[in-house]
Protein backbone atom coordinates (compact mmCIF):
# COMPACT_ATOMS: atom_id res chain seq x y z
CA MET A 1 0.00 0.00 0.00
CA THR A 2 1.15 3.51 -0.84
CA GLY A 3 -0.77 6.52 0.52
CA THR A 4 -0.29 9.98 -0.89
CA HIS A 5 -1.99 13.38 -0.86
CA ILE A 6 -3.26 14.63 -4.21
CA GLN A 7 -5.50 17.39 -5.57
CA PHE A 8 -8.32 17.31 -8.13
CA GLU A 9 -10.95 19.62 -9.56
CA GLY A 10 -14.27 19.46 -7.75
CA PHE A 11 -17.38 21.63 -8.02
CA GLY A 12 -15.79 24.92 -9.09
CA ARG A 13 -12.87 24.47 -6.69
CA ARG A 14 -9.74 22.43 -6.13
CA LEU A 15 -9.95 19.70 -3.52
CA ASP A 16 -7.30 17.88 -1.55
CA ALA A 17 -7.62 14.12 -1.19
CA TYR A 18 -5.84 11.08 0.23
CA LEU A 19 -5.16 8.33 -2.31
CA ALA A 20 -4.24 4.85 -1.09
CA LEU A 21 -2.97 2.48 -3.79
CA PRO A 22 -2.70 -1.30 -3.44
CA ARG A 23 0.87 -2.49 -3.82
CA THR A 24 0.09 -5.93 -5.21
CA PRO A 25 -0.94 -7.11 -8.71
CA PRO A 26 -3.11 -6.89 -10.79
CA ASP A 27 -2.42 -3.70 -12.70
CA ARG A 28 -6.04 -2.59 -12.31
CA HIS A 29 -8.10 -2.65 -9.15
CA PRO A 30 -11.68 -2.03 -8.09
CA ALA A 31 -11.94 1.42 -6.54
CA ILE A 32 -13.50 2.95 -3.44
CA LEU A 33 -14.65 6.54 -3.03
CA LEU A 34 -14.26 6.97 0.73
CA VAL A 35 -16.34 9.84 2.14
CA HIS A 36 -15.39 11.24 5.52
CA GLY A 37 -17.73 12.13 8.36
CA ILE A 38 -18.28 15.36 10.21
CA TRP A 39 -14.72 15.37 11.60
CA GLY A 40 -13.24 15.69 8.13
CA LEU A 41 -10.34 13.85 6.53
CA ASP A 42 -8.74 12.85 9.82
CA GLY A 43 -6.39 10.06 10.83
CA HIS A 44 -9.28 7.61 11.25
CA ILE A 45 -10.41 8.07 7.64
CA ARG A 46 -6.86 7.82 6.30
CA ASP A 47 -6.47 4.59 8.28
CA VAL A 48 -9.67 3.20 6.76
CA ALA A 49 -8.39 4.17 3.30
CA GLU A 50 -5.17 2.27 3.94
CA ARG A 51 -7.00 -0.78 5.24
CA LEU A 52 -9.19 -0.84 2.14
CA SER A 53 -6.12 -0.57 -0.08
CA GLU A 54 -4.59 -3.51 1.78
CA GLU A 55 -7.68 -5.47 0.74
CA GLY A 56 -6.96 -4.72 -2.93
CA TYR A 57 -9.03 -1.56 -3.45
CA LEU A 58 -7.68 1.67 -4.90
CA THR A 59 -9.13 4.15 -2.42
CA LEU A 60 -9.71 7.88 -2.86
CA ALA A 61 -10.76 9.94 0.17
CA PRO A 62 -11.56 13.56 -0.81
CA ASP A 63 -11.30 16.35 1.75
CA LEU A 64 -14.70 18.04 1.49
CA TYR A 65 -13.45 20.73 3.87
CA SER A 66 -10.71 21.82 1.47
CA GLY A 67 -10.15 25.56 1.41
CA LYS A 68 -12.32 27.70 3.67
CA GLY A 69 -13.96 24.62 5.16
CA ARG A 70 -10.88 24.01 7.27
CA THR A 71 -11.64 27.14 9.28
CA GLN A 72 -15.41 26.89 8.91
CA TRP A 73 -15.63 23.32 10.23
CA THR A 74 -12.78 22.93 12.69
CA PRO A 75 -12.94 20.11 15.27
CA GLU A 76 -13.43 22.71 18.02
CA ARG A 77 -16.39 24.39 16.26
CA ILE A 78 -17.89 21.02 15.35
CA SER A 79 -17.61 19.78 18.95
CA ALA A 80 -19.36 22.88 20.30
CA ALA A 81 -22.06 22.66 17.64
CA LEU A 82 -22.76 19.00 18.38
CA ARG A 83 -23.13 19.76 22.08
CA ALA A 84 -25.63 22.50 21.24
CA MET A 85 -27.55 20.21 18.89
CA GLU A 86 -28.01 17.65 21.67
CA GLU A 87 -30.83 19.90 22.88
CA VAL A 88 -32.71 19.35 19.60
CA PRO A 89 -34.95 16.25 19.37
CA PRO A 90 -33.55 13.58 17.02
CA GLU A 91 -36.55 13.69 14.70
CA VAL A 92 -36.08 17.45 14.30
CA ARG A 93 -32.35 17.15 13.58
CA ALA A 94 -33.09 14.63 10.84
CA ASP A 95 -35.54 16.88 8.95
CA PRO A 96 -34.10 20.08 7.39
CA GLU A 97 -37.51 21.79 7.29
CA MET A 98 -38.31 21.00 10.92
CA LEU A 99 -34.81 22.03 11.94
CA ALA A 100 -35.14 25.39 10.18
CA ARG A 101 -38.39 26.12 12.06
CA HIS A 102 -36.79 25.05 15.34
CA LEU A 103 -33.76 27.28 14.79
CA ALA A 104 -35.93 30.31 14.13
CA GLY A 105 -37.13 30.16 17.72
CA ARG A 106 -33.72 29.83 19.35
CA PRO A 107 -31.52 32.71 20.65
CA GLY A 108 -28.98 34.13 18.24
CA SER A 109 -26.09 33.10 20.49
CA TRP A 110 -27.22 29.46 20.37
CA GLN A 111 -27.67 29.62 16.61
CA ALA A 112 -24.12 30.94 16.23
CA VAL A 113 -22.68 27.99 18.17
CA ALA A 114 -24.80 25.42 16.30
CA ALA A 115 -24.09 27.01 12.89
CA PRO A 116 -21.33 24.61 11.70
CA VAL A 117 -23.59 21.55 11.91
CA VAL A 118 -26.59 23.44 10.51
CA GLU A 119 -24.46 24.60 7.57
CA LEU A 120 -23.34 21.05 6.81
CA GLN A 121 -26.94 19.83 6.75
CA ALA A 122 -28.23 22.63 4.52
CA PRO A 123 -29.58 21.28 1.19
CA SER A 124 -27.43 23.73 -0.78
CA GLN A 125 -24.25 22.55 0.96
CA GLN A 126 -25.22 18.92 0.51
CA ARG A 127 -25.69 19.52 -3.23
CA ALA A 128 -22.28 21.20 -3.46
CA PHE A 129 -20.66 18.23 -1.71
CA GLU A 130 -22.49 15.87 -4.08
CA GLU A 131 -21.01 17.72 -7.04
CA ASP A 132 -17.53 17.44 -5.54
CA LEU A 133 -18.00 13.71 -5.03
CA SER A 134 -19.38 13.25 -8.54
CA ALA A 135 -16.17 14.83 -9.83
CA ALA A 136 -14.19 12.38 -7.68
CA LEU A 137 -16.13 9.48 -9.17
CA GLN A 138 -15.37 10.73 -12.67
CA LEU A 139 -11.70 10.97 -11.74
CA LEU A 140 -11.70 7.34 -10.60
CA ALA A 141 -13.57 6.22 -13.73
CA ARG A 142 -10.88 7.83 -15.93
CA ARG A 143 -7.94 6.17 -14.19
CA THR A 144 -6.27 3.40 -16.17
CA ASP A 145 -5.47 1.49 -12.96
CA VAL A 146 -9.16 1.13 -12.02
CA VAL A 147 -11.25 -1.80 -13.22
CA PRO A 148 -13.94 -0.30 -15.49
CA GLY A 149 -17.31 -0.12 -13.78
CA ALA A 150 -16.01 -1.39 -10.44
CA ILE A 151 -16.37 1.67 -8.18
CA ALA A 152 -18.08 1.76 -4.77
CA ALA A 153 -18.76 4.58 -2.34
CA VAL A 154 -18.15 4.00 1.37
CA GLY A 155 -19.16 6.79 3.72
CA PHE A 156 -19.41 7.52 7.43
CA SER A 157 -22.02 9.73 9.13
CA LEU A 158 -22.12 12.91 7.00
CA GLY A 159 -20.27 10.94 4.33
CA GLY A 160 -22.63 8.02 4.71
CA GLY A 161 -25.57 10.24 3.87
CA LEU A 162 -23.70 11.71 0.91
CA SER A 163 -22.75 8.24 -0.34
CA HIS A 164 -26.41 7.26 -0.20
CA LEU A 165 -27.36 10.41 -2.10
CA LEU A 166 -24.88 9.51 -4.83
CA THR A 167 -26.67 6.21 -5.45
CA THR A 168 -29.76 8.12 -6.58
CA HIS A 169 -28.02 9.52 -9.66
CA ALA A 170 -24.33 8.65 -10.09
CA GLY A 171 -23.85 6.29 -13.03
CA GLU A 172 -20.22 5.54 -12.15
CA LEU A 173 -21.21 3.72 -8.95
CA ARG A 174 -21.74 0.00 -8.80
CA CYS A 175 -22.68 -0.05 -5.08
CA ALA A 176 -22.40 1.83 -1.78
CA VAL A 177 -21.82 1.17 1.91
CA VAL A 178 -23.44 3.59 4.36
CA PHE A 179 -22.18 3.77 7.94
CA TYR A 180 -24.76 5.59 10.10
CA GLY A 181 -25.64 8.16 7.46
CA PRO A 182 -29.19 9.49 7.07
CA ALA A 183 -31.35 8.12 4.28
CA PRO A 184 -31.87 10.34 1.23
CA PRO A 185 -34.68 12.91 1.41
CA ARG A 186 -38.14 11.96 0.19
CA THR A 187 -37.58 13.96 -3.00
CA ARG A 188 -35.00 11.39 -4.16
CA SER A 189 -35.58 7.93 -5.60
CA PRO A 190 -33.45 4.79 -5.26
CA THR A 191 -31.66 3.38 -8.30
CA PRO A 192 -32.49 -0.32 -8.78
CA GLY A 193 -29.08 -1.14 -10.24
CA ILE A 194 -27.03 0.24 -7.32
CA PRO A 195 -27.26 -1.96 -4.21
CA VAL A 196 -26.65 -0.36 -0.81
CA LEU A 197 -25.42 -1.85 2.46
CA GLY A 198 -26.56 0.21 5.44
CA LEU A 199 -24.95 -0.18 8.89
CA TYR A 200 -26.66 1.65 11.75
CA GLY A 201 -26.70 1.96 15.52
CA GLY A 202 -29.77 1.16 17.57
CA GLY A 203 -28.76 3.96 19.94
CA ASP A 204 -28.75 6.52 17.13
CA PRO A 205 -32.46 7.30 16.58
CA GLY A 206 -31.88 10.57 14.72
CA VAL A 207 -30.21 8.69 11.85
CA THR A 208 -31.56 5.16 12.16
CA GLY A 209 -35.10 6.52 12.31
CA THR A 210 -34.74 7.83 8.75
CA VAL A 211 -34.22 4.33 7.38
CA PRO A 212 -37.68 2.63 7.48
CA PRO A 213 -39.42 5.13 5.13
CA TRP A 214 -36.57 4.79 2.66
CA GLU A 215 -36.66 0.99 2.93
CA GLU A 216 -40.31 1.10 1.92
CA LYS A 217 -39.46 3.30 -1.06
CA VAL A 218 -36.64 0.93 -2.04
CA ARG A 219 -38.95 -2.08 -2.01
CA GLY A 220 -41.41 -0.23 -4.21
CA ALA A 221 -38.67 0.56 -6.71
CA GLY A 222 -37.30 -2.98 -6.78
CA ALA A 223 -33.90 -1.80 -5.54
CA ARG A 224 -31.59 -3.51 -3.02
CA PHE A 225 -30.98 -2.06 0.43
CA GLU A 226 -29.44 -4.42 2.99
CA VAL A 227 -29.86 -2.98 6.50
CA HIS A 228 -28.15 -4.00 9.73
CA VAL A 229 -28.90 -2.25 13.02
CA TYR A 230 -26.62 -2.94 15.99
CA PRO A 231 -28.67 -2.85 19.21
CA GLY A 232 -27.53 -0.12 21.58
CA ALA A 233 -24.66 1.03 19.35
CA PRO A 234 -24.32 4.82 19.21
CA HIS A 235 -23.60 7.05 16.26
CA GLY A 236 -19.95 6.66 15.27
CA PHE A 237 -19.62 3.12 16.60
CA PHE A 238 -16.95 2.29 13.99
CA ASP A 239 -14.54 5.11 14.89
CA GLU A 240 -11.96 3.64 17.27
CA THR A 241 -10.52 7.10 18.00
CA ARG A 242 -13.67 8.24 19.83
CA GLY A 243 -15.69 7.24 22.88
CA SER A 244 -18.55 6.09 20.65
CA PHE A 245 -16.48 3.11 19.45
CA ARG A 246 -18.05 -0.32 19.96
CA ARG A 247 -15.59 -3.04 19.05
CA GLU A 248 -18.01 -5.91 18.50
CA ALA A 249 -20.34 -3.90 16.27
CA ALA A 250 -17.39 -2.38 14.40
CA GLN A 251 -15.81 -5.75 13.71
CA ASP A 252 -19.05 -7.23 12.41
CA ALA A 253 -19.73 -4.15 10.26
CA TRP A 254 -16.22 -4.34 8.77
CA GLU A 255 -16.66 -8.01 7.90
CA LYS A 256 -20.03 -7.30 6.29
CA THR A 257 -18.50 -4.40 4.36
CA LEU A 258 -15.67 -6.48 2.92
CA ARG A 259 -18.00 -9.33 1.96
CA PHE A 260 -20.40 -6.89 0.29
CA LEU A 261 -17.62 -5.13 -1.64
CA ALA A 262 -16.02 -8.39 -2.74
CA ALA A 263 -19.36 -9.65 -4.06
CA GLU A 264 -20.51 -6.45 -5.74
CA LEU A 265 -17.17 -5.38 -7.24
CA SER A 266 -16.31 -8.76 -8.69
CA PRO A 267 -15.13 -8.12 -12.24
CA HIS A 268 -17.71 -8.45 -14.99
CA PRO A 269 -16.80 -10.34 -18.15
CA GLY A 270 -14.60 -8.11 -20.25
CA ASP A 271 -13.26 -6.05 -17.35
CA GLY A 272 -9.83 -7.37 -18.15
CA ALA A 273 -8.69 -7.67 -14.54
CA SER A 274 -9.51 -9.49 -11.38
CA ALA A 275 -9.07 -8.81 -7.72
CA THR A 276 -9.43 -11.19 -4.80
CA PRO A 277 -9.64 -9.27 -1.51
CA ARG A 278 -8.23 -11.07 1.50
CA PRO A 279 -10.50 -12.44 4.23
CA PRO A 280 -11.96 -9.79 6.56
CA GLU A 281 -9.76 -8.38 9.31
CA PRO A 282 -11.18 -6.85 12.49
CA PRO A 283 -10.92 -3.09 13.07
CA ARG A 284 -7.62 -2.04 14.57
């Protein structure tokens, strides 16, 4: 595995990214678009990128906070905003319209503290991130060391929701894995040809509660959405760098992720390359 920092053109701006390349044959590999959570492109996400590359996947992790986002969404501001948002009921946090009405009745000082999280959830910002990620997918699709048509999105929290959004329109995707990211809004429709693996915490009602309505929509569209909810697990249960980490749930989710990716990214006839990921390893 070789990890390096690169740049690419996103939605009207230049983005930084972490690229982890497998170091073993074949010459072409299935690819992963790895989408970070609310904490940005931190050490945890780079570690996940490296672990995926060790399994035989060329992995690109864009930094959605490139540029002004690094001062707009610092860990300190995010931490303060999340503490403020704990006062908001989960069902309100999960609905942008309800959240907007709730915010209108809160003091300006509270709104200022909560602003970083509110900004990230705004539909306009979500669309901008989607455009950045679509550009990243196109970059992967153009690479000569990527197996044609074998690209998956794997996202966590904020990135999980964005990965799920990509499945509603991005033709470059073959599949997606969503770690505790909210389901797409009701204005979107699932794509039957892009299966999704969703991994959620039972102790995370604000996100997990968005799943059942989307599951019903998926069934109606004839799409595939495999859902696993870990009883009692909180939001962020996969992140071993934080207090939310739950080893048993994380290990099982990692094993499910690798099995899903191996099955869905298996080369199609004519791909001209093959990759055989190693058996699942537990989270470090």
